[in-house]
Amino acid sequence: MIKTKTISAMTEKGLDKKISEFLYENQYIEVSDIHFNVGSVFAVLIVYKDK
């Protein structure tokens, strides 16, 4: 099953920290795609599958 996770933060460093935490907590996922967006906040959309 394909799933998505949207993560946002006010700073790039904060976004990096949140992405690292998500990936650490979900070590057994298979990331299919990542979309990055910068506007008033930094945001990323992670498309993944559970293994």
Protein backbone atom coordinates (compact mmCIF):
# COMPACT_ATOMS: atom_id res chain seq x y z
CA MET A 1 0.00 0.00 0.00
CA ILE A 2 1.37 3.41 -0.97
CA LYS A 3 1.28 6.04 1.76
CA THR A 4 2.29 9.69 2.05
CA LYS A 5 3.68 11.83 4.84
CA THR A 6 3.80 15.63 4.76
CA ILE A 7 6.31 17.31 7.04
CA SER A 8 6.77 21.06 7.44
CA ALA A 9 8.88 23.40 9.54
CA MET A 10 9.73 27.06 9.78
CA THR A 11 13.44 26.51 9.11
CA GLU A 12 15.44 24.17 6.91
CA LYS A 13 17.28 22.86 9.97
CA GLY A 14 13.97 22.12 11.69
CA LEU A 15 12.74 20.29 8.60
CA ASP A 16 15.91 18.20 8.48
CA LYS A 17 15.37 17.21 12.12
CA LYS A 18 11.74 16.20 11.54
CA ILE A 19 12.61 14.18 8.42
CA SER A 20 15.39 12.38 10.29
CA GLU A 21 13.01 11.55 13.16
CA PHE A 22 10.37 10.21 10.74
CA LEU A 23 12.89 8.02 8.92
CA TYR A 24 14.38 6.76 12.21
CA GLU A 25 10.91 5.82 13.51
CA ASN A 26 10.02 4.14 10.19
CA GLN A 27 13.22 2.30 9.31
CA TYR A 28 11.43 -0.43 7.38
CA ILE A 29 9.69 1.70 4.76
CA GLU A 30 10.64 1.94 1.10
CA VAL A 31 10.71 5.59 0.00
CA SER A 32 9.42 5.97 -3.57
CA ASP A 33 9.60 9.75 -4.02
CA ILE A 34 10.25 13.00 -2.17
CA HIS A 35 8.90 16.43 -3.13
CA PHE A 36 10.39 19.56 -1.56
CA ASN A 37 8.69 22.97 -1.43
CA VAL A 38 9.77 26.32 -0.05
CA GLY A 39 7.24 29.07 0.60
CA SER A 40 6.37 30.67 3.89
CA VAL A 41 7.51 27.35 5.39
CA PHE A 42 9.78 24.50 4.32
CA ALA A 43 7.79 21.39 3.43
CA VAL A 44 8.39 17.92 2.10
CA LEU A 45 6.05 15.20 0.88
CA ILE A 46 7.38 11.66 1.26
CA VAL A 47 5.76 8.90 -0.80
CA TYR A 48 6.53 5.45 0.59
CA LYS A 49 5.50 1.80 0.96
CA ASP A 50 5.59 -0.35 4.07
CA LYS A 51 7.86 -3.37 3.66
